């Protein structure tokens, strides 16, 4: 059974895996890592400080205040690539 520290460690591991998948152009696997981390963080009620480290923080005017371990530009790219892949398979 994982305690809170173990869960946080696993979430940070997902961010590491995400970046590796992006580097290897494995966009579906990258999205799986991101979505899993996001869902777990919400489900367990992860502390806001840890969520900010993982997913970043934007200000009122949209500027990035804290860059997360899941870089927003890469998350967007993975979303775009997987959406295009899904459209092609329909």
PDB file of N, CA and C in Angstrom:
ATOM      1  N   UNK A   1       0.844  -1.179   0.000  1.00  0.00           N
ATOM      2  CA  UNK A   1       0.000   0.000   0.000  1.00  0.00           C
ATOM      3  C   UNK A   1       0.890   1.244   0.000  1.00  0.00           C
ATOM      4  N   UNK A   2       0.571   2.186  -0.868  1.00  0.00           N
ATOM      5  CA  UNK A   2       1.357   3.409  -0.960  1.00  0.00           C
ATOM      6  C   UNK A   2       0.858   4.447   0.033  1.00  0.00           C
ATOM      7  N   UNK A   3       1.802   5.130   0.655  1.00  0.00           N
ATOM      8  CA  UNK A   3       1.430   6.274   1.477  1.00  0.00           C
ATOM      9  C   UNK A   3       1.486   7.517   0.585  1.00  0.00           C
ATOM     10  N   UNK A   4       1.221   8.683   1.165  1.00  0.00           N
ATOM     11  CA  UNK A   4       1.185   9.911   0.371  1.00  0.00           C
ATOM     12  C   UNK A   4       2.503  10.182  -0.329  1.00  0.00           C
ATOM     13  N   UNK A   5       3.619   9.968   0.351  1.00  0.00           N
ATOM     14  CA  UNK A   5       4.932  10.198  -0.268  1.00  0.00           C
ATOM     15  C   UNK A   5       5.156   9.255  -1.444  1.00  0.00           C
ATOM     16  N   UNK A   6       4.696   8.024  -1.313  1.00  0.00           N
ATOM     17  CA  UNK A   6       4.836   7.060  -2.397  1.00  0.00           C
ATOM     18  C   UNK A   6       4.012   7.456  -3.610  1.00  0.00           C
ATOM     19  N   UNK A   7       2.813   7.955  -3.369  1.00  0.00           N
ATOM     20  CA  UNK A   7       1.962   8.412  -4.465  1.00  0.00           C
ATOM     21  C   UNK A   7       2.604   9.596  -5.174  1.00  0.00           C
ATOM     22  N   UNK A   8       3.107  10.545  -4.405  1.00  0.00           N
ATOM     23  CA  UNK A   8       3.758  11.722  -4.988  1.00  0.00           C
ATOM     24  C   UNK A   8       4.960  11.293  -5.820  1.00  0.00           C
ATOM     25  N   UNK A   9       5.738  10.353  -5.303  1.00  0.00           N
ATOM     26  CA  UNK A   9       6.916   9.865  -6.031  1.00  0.00           C
ATOM     27  C   UNK A   9       6.484   9.233  -7.366  1.00  0.00           C
ATOM     28  N   UNK A  10       5.440   8.428  -7.332  1.00  0.00           N
ATOM     29  CA  UNK A  10       4.940   7.789  -8.555  1.00  0.00           C
ATOM     30  C   UNK A  10       4.425   8.824  -9.559  1.00  0.00           C
ATOM     31  N   UNK A  11       3.789   9.880  -9.070  1.00  0.00           N
ATOM     32  CA  UNK A  11       3.316  10.931  -9.967  1.00  0.00           C
ATOM     33  C   UNK A  11       4.484  11.644 -10.647  1.00  0.00           C
ATOM     34  N   UNK A  12       5.549  11.894  -9.895  1.00  0.00           N
ATOM     35  CA  UNK A  12       6.735  12.515 -10.490  1.00  0.00           C
ATOM     36  C   UNK A  12       7.394  11.553 -11.484  1.00  0.00           C
ATOM     37  N   UNK A  13       7.327  10.250 -11.200  1.00  0.00           N
ATOM     38  CA  UNK A  13       7.832   9.251 -12.146  1.00  0.00           C
ATOM     39  C   UNK A  13       7.047   9.309 -13.453  1.00  0.00           C
ATOM     40  N   UNK A  14       5.737   9.526 -13.365  1.00  0.00           N
ATOM     41  CA  UNK A  14       4.908   9.636 -14.564  1.00  0.00           C
ATOM     42  C   UNK A  14       5.343  10.825 -15.414  1.00  0.00           C
ATOM     43  N   UNK A  15       5.708  11.923 -14.769  1.00  0.00           N
ATOM     44  CA  UNK A  15       6.187  13.097 -15.511  1.00  0.00           C
ATOM     45  C   UNK A  15       7.482  12.764 -16.250  1.00  0.00           C
ATOM     46  N   UNK A  16       8.361  12.014 -15.599  1.00  0.00           N
ATOM     47  CA  UNK A  16       9.623  11.591 -16.227  1.00  0.00           C
ATOM     48  C   UNK A  16       9.331  10.695 -17.439  1.00  0.00           C
ATOM     49  N   UNK A  17       8.421   9.739 -17.253  1.00  0.00           N
ATOM     50  CA  UNK A  17       8.048   8.845 -18.349  1.00  0.00           C
ATOM     51  C   UNK A  17       7.405   9.622 -19.498  1.00  0.00           C
ATOM     52  N   UNK A  18       6.562  10.594 -19.156  1.00  0.00           N
ATOM     53  CA  UNK A  18       5.919  11.442 -20.156  1.00  0.00           C
ATOM     54  C   UNK A  18       6.960  12.089 -21.064  1.00  0.00           C
ATOM     55  N   UNK A  19       7.964  12.704 -20.452  1.00  0.00           N
ATOM     56  CA  UNK A  19       8.990  13.390 -21.256  1.00  0.00           C
ATOM     57  C   UNK A  19       9.761  12.400 -22.132  1.00  0.00           C
ATOM     58  N   UNK A  20      10.016  11.207 -21.622  1.00  0.00           N
ATOM     59  CA  UNK A  20      10.682  10.179 -22.425  1.00  0.00           C
ATOM     60  C   UNK A  20       9.832   9.751 -23.610  1.00  0.00           C
ATOM     61  N   UNK A  21       8.548   9.556 -23.384  1.00  0.00           N
ATOM     62  CA  UNK A  21       7.656   9.188 -24.487  1.00  0.00           C
ATOM     63  C   UNK A  21       7.588  10.303 -25.531  1.00  0.00           C
ATOM     64  N   UNK A  22       7.547  11.534 -25.077  1.00  0.00           N
ATOM     65  CA  UNK A  22       7.517  12.653 -26.022  1.00  0.00           C
ATOM     66  C   UNK A  22       8.801  12.690 -26.842  1.00  0.00           C
ATOM     67  N   UNK A  23       9.918  12.463 -26.205  1.00  0.00           N
ATOM     68  CA  UNK A  23      11.194  12.470 -26.911  1.00  0.00           C
ATOM     69  C   UNK A  23      11.219  11.393 -27.998  1.00  0.00           C
ATOM     70  N   UNK A  24      10.565  10.269 -27.712  1.00  0.00           N
ATOM     71  CA  UNK A  24      10.521   9.145 -28.651  1.00  0.00           C
ATOM     72  C   UNK A  24       9.300   9.181 -29.570  1.00  0.00           C
ATOM     73  N   UNK A  25       8.569  10.289 -29.533  1.00  0.00           N
ATOM     74  CA  UNK A  25       7.373  10.485 -30.362  1.00  0.00           C
ATOM     75  C   UNK A  25       6.304   9.417 -30.119  1.00  0.00           C
ATOM     76  N   UNK A  26       6.212   8.971 -28.882  1.00  0.00           N
ATOM     77  CA  UNK A  26       5.192   7.997 -28.471  1.00  0.00           C
ATOM     78  C   UNK A  26       4.067   8.787 -27.794  1.00  0.00           C
ATOM     79  N   UNK A  27       3.272   9.448 -28.624  1.00  0.00           N
ATOM     80  CA  UNK A  27       2.316  10.424 -28.121  1.00  0.00           C
ATOM     81  C   UNK A  27       1.173   9.798 -27.321  1.00  0.00           C
ATOM     82  N   UNK A  28       0.692   8.645 -27.729  1.00  0.00           N
ATOM     83  CA  UNK A  28      -0.380   8.004 -26.955  1.00  0.00           C
ATOM     84  C   UNK A  28       0.096   7.591 -25.570  1.00  0.00           C
ATOM     85  N   UNK A  29       1.297   7.039 -25.501  1.00  0.00           N
ATOM     86  CA  UNK A  29       1.847   6.653 -24.204  1.00  0.00           C
ATOM     87  C   UNK A  29       2.074   7.879 -23.328  1.00  0.00           C
ATOM     88  N   UNK A  30       2.527   8.971 -23.955  1.00  0.00           N
ATOM     89  CA  UNK A  30       2.732  10.214 -23.216  1.00  0.00           C
ATOM     90  C   UNK A  30       1.415  10.723 -22.653  1.00  0.00           C
ATOM     91  N   UNK A  31       0.375  10.709 -23.471  1.00  0.00           N
ATOM     92  CA  UNK A  31      -0.939  11.168 -22.992  1.00  0.00           C
ATOM     93  C   UNK A  31      -1.459  10.271 -21.879  1.00  0.00           C
ATOM     94  N   UNK A  32      -1.189   8.989 -21.976  1.00  0.00           N
ATOM     95  CA  UNK A  32      -1.618   8.075 -20.919  1.00  0.00           C
ATOM     96  C   UNK A  32      -0.947   8.456 -19.593  1.00  0.00           C
ATOM     97  N   UNK A  33       0.345   8.755 -19.631  1.00  0.00           N
ATOM     98  CA  UNK A  33       1.059   9.168 -18.416  1.00  0.00           C
ATOM     99  C   UNK A  33       0.456  10.443 -17.841  1.00  0.00           C
ATOM    100  N   UNK A  34       0.221  11.423 -18.698  1.00  0.00           N
ATOM    101  CA  UNK A  34      -0.335  12.698 -18.245  1.00  0.00           C
ATOM    102  C   UNK A  34      -1.732  12.516 -17.656  1.00  0.00           C
ATOM    103  N   UNK A  35      -2.590  11.827 -18.389  1.00  0.00           N
ATOM    104  CA  UNK A  35      -3.966  11.643 -17.923  1.00  0.00           C
ATOM    105  C   UNK A  35      -4.024  10.831 -16.637  1.00  0.00           C
ATOM    106  N   UNK A  36      -3.187   9.824 -16.532  1.00  0.00           N
ATOM    107  CA  UNK A  36      -3.140   9.024 -15.308  1.00  0.00           C
ATOM    108  C   UNK A  36      -2.721   9.888 -14.129  1.00  0.00           C
ATOM    109  N   UNK A  37      -1.662  10.670 -14.316  1.00  0.00           N
ATOM    110  CA  UNK A  37      -1.179  11.535 -13.239  1.00  0.00           C
ATOM    111  C   UNK A  37      -2.241  12.554 -12.833  1.00  0.00           C
ATOM    112  N   UNK A  38      -2.890  13.150 -13.804  1.00  0.00           N
ATOM    113  CA  UNK A  38      -3.920  14.143 -13.514  1.00  0.00           C
ATOM    114  C   UNK A  38      -5.083  13.503 -12.751  1.00  0.00           C
ATOM    115  N   UNK A  39      -5.540  12.357 -13.223  1.00  0.00           N
ATOM    116  CA  UNK A  39      -6.661  11.673 -12.574  1.00  0.00           C
ATOM    117  C   UNK A  39      -6.323  11.248 -11.147  1.00  0.00           C
ATOM    118  N   UNK A  40      -5.138  10.712 -10.944  1.00  0.00           N
ATOM    119  CA  UNK A  40      -4.730  10.287  -9.602  1.00  0.00           C
ATOM    120  C   UNK A  40      -4.606  11.496  -8.686  1.00  0.00           C
ATOM    121  N   UNK A  41      -3.998  12.566  -9.180  1.00  0.00           N
ATOM    122  CA  UNK A  41      -3.830  13.773  -8.361  1.00  0.00           C
ATOM    123  C   UNK A  41      -5.175  14.304  -7.885  1.00  0.00           C
ATOM    124  N   UNK A  42      -6.145  14.310  -8.778  1.00  0.00           N
ATOM    125  CA  UNK A  42      -7.486  14.784  -8.411  1.00  0.00           C
ATOM    126  C   UNK A  42      -8.148  13.797  -7.460  1.00  0.00           C
ATOM    127  N   UNK A  43      -8.071  12.509  -7.769  1.00  0.00           N
ATOM    128  CA  UNK A  43      -8.751  11.484  -6.977  1.00  0.00           C
ATOM    129  C   UNK A  43      -8.273  11.450  -5.529  1.00  0.00           C
ATOM    130  N   UNK A  44      -6.945  11.557  -5.329  1.00  0.00           N
ATOM    131  CA  UNK A  44      -6.414  11.479  -3.958  1.00  0.00           C
ATOM    132  C   UNK A  44      -6.421  12.830  -3.262  1.00  0.00           C
ATOM    133  N   UNK A  45      -6.829  13.885  -3.977  1.00  0.00           N
ATOM    134  CA  UNK A  45      -6.838  15.217  -3.371  1.00  0.00           C
ATOM    135  C   UNK A  45      -5.431  15.702  -3.066  1.00  0.00           C
ATOM    136  N   UNK A  46      -4.553  15.542  -4.048  1.00  0.00           N
ATOM    137  CA  UNK A  46      -3.151  15.919  -3.877  1.00  0.00           C
ATOM    138  C   UNK A  46      -3.027  17.378  -3.458  1.00  0.00           C
ATOM    139  N   UNK A  47      -2.131  17.632  -2.551  1.00  0.00           N
ATOM    140  CA  UNK A  47      -1.836  18.968  -2.055  1.00  0.00           C
ATOM    141  C   UNK A  47      -1.588  19.916  -3.235  1.00  0.00           C
ATOM    142  N   UNK A  48      -2.124  21.129  -3.155  1.00  0.00           N
ATOM    143  CA  UNK A  48      -2.015  22.089  -4.259  1.00  0.00           C
ATOM    144  C   UNK A  48      -0.562  22.394  -4.611  1.00  0.00           C
ATOM    145  N   UNK A  49       0.302  22.451  -3.613  1.00  0.00           N
ATOM    146  CA  UNK A  49       1.722  22.724  -3.852  1.00  0.00           C
ATOM    147  C   UNK A  49       2.324  21.649  -4.767  1.00  0.00           C
ATOM    148  N   UNK A  50       1.994  20.394  -4.500  1.00  0.00           N
ATOM    149  CA  UNK A  50       2.502  19.295  -5.328  1.00  0.00           C
ATOM    150  C   UNK A  50       1.871  19.322  -6.720  1.00  0.00           C
ATOM    151  N   UNK A  51       0.581  19.643  -6.795  1.00  0.00           N
ATOM    152  CA  UNK A  51      -0.082  19.747  -8.100  1.00  0.00           C
ATOM    153  C   UNK A  51       0.564  20.848  -8.930  1.00  0.00           C
ATOM    154  N   UNK A  52       0.913  21.952  -8.292  1.00  0.00           N
ATOM    155  CA  UNK A  52       1.577  23.046  -9.004  1.00  0.00           C
ATOM    156  C   UNK A  52       2.929  22.606  -9.550  1.00  0.00           C
ATOM    157  N   UNK A  53       3.679  21.819  -8.762  1.00  0.00           N
ATOM    158  CA  UNK A  53       4.973  21.310  -9.225  1.00  0.00           C
ATOM    159  C   UNK A  53       4.802  20.426 -10.452  1.00  0.00           C
ATOM    160  N   UNK A  54       3.780  19.613 -10.423  1.00  0.00           N
ATOM    161  CA  UNK A  54       3.562  18.675 -11.521  1.00  0.00           C
ATOM    162  C   UNK A  54       2.996  19.336 -12.765  1.00  0.00           C
ATOM    163  N   UNK A  55       1.968  20.158 -12.595  1.00  0.00           N
ATOM    164  CA  UNK A  55       1.209  20.648 -13.736  1.00  0.00           C
ATOM    165  C   UNK A  55       1.397  22.134 -14.027  1.00  0.00           C
ATOM    166  N   UNK A  56       2.110  22.841 -13.169  1.00  0.00           N
ATOM    167  CA  UNK A  56       2.388  24.247 -13.414  1.00  0.00           C
ATOM    168  C   UNK A  56       1.281  25.173 -12.934  1.00  0.00           C
ATOM    169  N   UNK A  57       1.559  26.480 -13.046  1.00  0.00           N
ATOM    170  CA  UNK A  57       0.620  27.514 -12.600  1.00  0.00           C
ATOM    171  C   UNK A  57       0.601  28.621 -13.648  1.00  0.00           C
ATOM    172  N   UNK A  58      -0.602  29.087 -13.961  1.00  0.00           N
ATOM    173  CA  UNK A  58      -0.777  30.225 -14.864  1.00  0.00           C
ATOM    174  C   UNK A  58      -1.365  31.392 -14.084  1.00  0.00           C
ATOM    175  N   UNK A  59      -0.974  32.585 -14.479  1.00  0.00           N
ATOM    176  CA  UNK A  59      -1.501  33.788 -13.849  1.00  0.00           C
ATOM    177  C   UNK A  59      -2.821  34.207 -14.471  1.00  0.00           C
ATOM    178  N   UNK A  60      -3.351  35.303 -13.981  1.00  0.00           N
ATOM    179  CA  UNK A  60      -4.637  35.816 -14.458  1.00  0.00           C
ATOM    180  C   UNK A  60      -4.638  36.126 -15.948  1.00  0.00           C
ATOM    181  N   UNK A  61      -3.521  36.599 -16.450  1.00  0.00           N
ATOM    182  CA  UNK A  61      -3.443  36.981 -17.859  1.00  0.00           C
ATOM    183  C   UNK A  61      -2.902  35.853 -18.737  1.00  0.00           C
ATOM    184  N   UNK A  62      -2.833  34.645 -18.179  1.00  0.00           N
ATOM    185  CA  UNK A  62      -2.414  33.484 -18.957  1.00  0.00           C
ATOM    186  C   UNK A  62      -0.925  33.215 -18.970  1.00  0.00           C
ATOM    187  N   UNK A  63      -0.151  34.067 -18.326  1.00  0.00           N
ATOM    188  CA  UNK A  63       1.293  33.856 -18.333  1.00  0.00           C
ATOM    189  C   UNK A  63       1.651  32.687 -17.406  1.00  0.00           C
ATOM    190  N   UNK A  64       2.659  31.939 -17.793  1.00  0.00           N
ATOM    191  CA  UNK A  64       3.109  30.814 -16.981  1.00  0.00           C
ATOM    192  C   UNK A  64       3.924  31.360 -15.820  1.00  0.00           C
ATOM    193  N   UNK A  65       3.453  31.090 -14.612  1.00  0.00           N
ATOM    194  CA  UNK A  65       4.150  31.533 -13.400  1.00  0.00           C
ATOM    195  C   UNK A  65       5.105  30.445 -12.934  1.00  0.00           C
ATOM    196  N   UNK A  66       4.626  29.216 -12.934  1.00  0.00           N
ATOM    197  CA  UNK A  66       5.456  28.063 -12.558  1.00  0.00           C
ATOM    198  C   UNK A  66       5.320  27.036 -13.668  1.00  0.00           C
ATOM    199  N   UNK A  67       6.453  26.649 -14.256  1.00  0.00           N
ATOM    200  CA  UNK A  67       6.436  25.592 -15.265  1.00  0.00           C
ATOM    201  C   UNK A  67       6.368  24.252 -14.538  1.00  0.00           C
ATOM    202  N   UNK A  68       5.464  23.407 -14.953  1.00  0.00           N
ATOM    203  CA  UNK A  68       5.298  22.110 -14.309  1.00  0.00           C
ATOM    204  C   UNK A  68       6.224  21.055 -14.884  1.00  0.00           C
ATOM    205  N   UNK A  69       6.248  19.906 -14.227  1.00  0.00           N
ATOM    206  CA  UNK A  69       7.050  18.790 -14.712  1.00  0.00           C
ATOM    207  C   UNK A  69       6.447  18.179 -15.970  1.00  0.00           C
ATOM    208  N   UNK A  70       5.168  18.434 -16.193  1.00  0.00           N
ATOM    209  CA  UNK A  70       4.537  18.111 -17.465  1.00  0.00           C
ATOM    210  C   UNK A  70       4.504  19.423 -18.237  1.00  0.00           C
ATOM    211  N   UNK A  71       5.521  19.694 -19.058  1.00  0.00           N
ATOM    212  CA  UNK A  71       5.565  20.980 -19.768  1.00  0.00           C
ATOM    213  C   UNK A  71       4.322  21.188 -20.628  1.00  0.00           C
ATOM    214  N   UNK A  72       3.690  22.328 -20.433  1.00  0.00           N
ATOM    215  CA  UNK A  72       2.426  22.604 -21.108  1.00  0.00           C
ATOM    216  C   UNK A  72       2.524  22.489 -22.619  1.00  0.00           C
ATOM    217  N   UNK A  73       3.607  22.981 -23.192  1.00  0.00           N
ATOM    218  CA  UNK A  73       3.756  22.904 -24.647  1.00  0.00           C
ATOM    219  C   UNK A  73       3.820  21.453 -25.127  1.00  0.00           C
ATOM    220  N   UNK A  74       4.424  20.574 -24.333  1.00  0.00           N
ATOM    221  CA  UNK A  74       4.485  19.168 -24.717  1.00  0.00           C
ATOM    222  C   UNK A  74       3.148  18.462 -24.514  1.00  0.00           C
ATOM    223  N   UNK A  75       2.421  18.837 -23.478  1.00  0.00           N
ATOM    224  CA  UNK A  75       1.091  18.265 -23.255  1.00  0.00           C
ATOM    225  C   UNK A  75       0.181  18.637 -24.423  1.00  0.00           C
ATOM    226  N   UNK A  76       0.239  19.891 -24.840  1.00  0.00           N
ATOM    227  CA  UNK A  76      -0.576  20.340 -25.969  1.00  0.00           C
ATOM    228  C   UNK A  76      -0.192  19.590 -27.238  1.00  0.00           C
ATOM    229  N   UNK A  77       1.095  19.423 -27.460  1.00  0.00           N
ATOM    230  CA  UNK A  77       1.558  18.691 -28.646  1.00  0.00           C
ATOM    231  C   UNK A  77       1.049  17.250 -28.612  1.00  0.00           C
ATOM    232  N   UNK A  78       1.147  16.599 -27.456  1.00  0.00           N
ATOM    233  CA  UNK A  78       0.674  15.214 -27.334  1.00  0.00           C
ATOM    234  C   UNK A  78      -0.824  15.136 -27.587  1.00  0.00           C
ATOM    235  N   UNK A  79      -1.566  16.108 -27.063  1.00  0.00           N
ATOM    236  CA  UNK A  79      -3.015  16.138 -27.297  1.00  0.00           C
ATOM    237  C   UNK A  79      -3.317  16.289 -28.780  1.00  0.00           C
ATOM    238  N   UNK A  80      -2.610  17.194 -29.437  1.00  0.00           N
ATOM    239  CA  UNK A  80      -2.831  17.414 -30.872  1.00  0.00           C
ATOM    240  C   UNK A  80      -2.501  16.158 -31.676  1.00  0.00           C
ATOM    241  N   UNK A  81      -1.374  15.535 -31.370  1.00  0.00           N
ATOM    242  CA  UNK A  81      -0.944  14.350 -32.115  1.00  0.00           C
ATOM    243  C   UNK A  81      -1.892  13.181 -31.900  1.00  0.00           C
ATOM    244  N   UNK A  82      -2.380  13.010 -30.705  1.00  0.00           N
ATOM    245  CA  UNK A  82      -3.300  11.892 -30.461  1.00  0.00           C
ATOM    246  C   UNK A  82      -4.670  12.191 -31.042  1.00  0.00           C
ATOM    247  N   UNK A  83      -5.086  13.439 -31.055  1.00  0.00           N
ATOM    248  CA  UNK A  83      -6.376  13.798 -31.652  1.00  0.00           C
ATOM    249  C   UNK A  83      -6.331  13.572 -33.153  1.00  0.00           C
ATOM    250  N   UNK A  84      -5.236  13.931 -33.793  1.00  0.00           N
ATOM    251  CA  UNK A  84      -5.089  13.724 -35.233  1.00  0.00           C
ATOM    252  C   UNK A  84      -5.092  12.236 -35.534  1.00  0.00           C
ATOM    253  N   UNK A  85      -4.421  11.450 -34.696  1.00  0.00           N
ATOM    254  CA  UNK A  85      -4.405  10.002 -34.883  1.00  0.00           C
ATOM    255  C   UNK A  85      -5.780   9.392 -34.750  1.00  0.00           C
ATOM    256  N   UNK A  86      -6.592   9.913 -33.841  1.00  0.00           N
ATOM    257  CA  UNK A  86      -7.934   9.396 -33.666  1.00  0.00           C
ATOM    258  C   UNK A  86      -8.819   9.767 -34.841  1.00  0.00           C
ATOM    259  N   UNK A  87      -8.639  10.941 -35.388  1.00  0.00           N
ATOM    260  CA  UNK A  87      -9.434  11.361 -36.540  1.00  0.00           C
ATOM    261  C   UNK A  87      -9.120  10.472 -37.753  1.00  0.00           C
ATOM    262  N   UNK A  88      -7.857  10.140 -37.921  1.00  0.00           N
ATOM    263  CA  UNK A  88      -7.450   9.317 -39.063  1.00  0.00           C
ATOM    264  C   UNK A  88      -8.014   7.898 -38.985  1.00  0.00           C
ATOM    265  N   UNK A  89      -8.248   7.410 -37.768  1.00  0.00           N
ATOM    266  CA  UNK A  89      -8.724   6.041 -37.625  1.00  0.00           C
ATOM    267  C   UNK A  89     -10.238   5.921 -37.743  1.00  0.00           C
ATOM    268  N   UNK A  90     -10.933   7.052 -37.784  1.00  0.00           N
ATOM    269  CA  UNK A  90     -12.403   7.010 -37.863  1.00  0.00           C
ATOM    270  C   UNK A  90     -12.854   6.757 -39.286  1.00  0.00           C
TER     271      UNK A  90
END
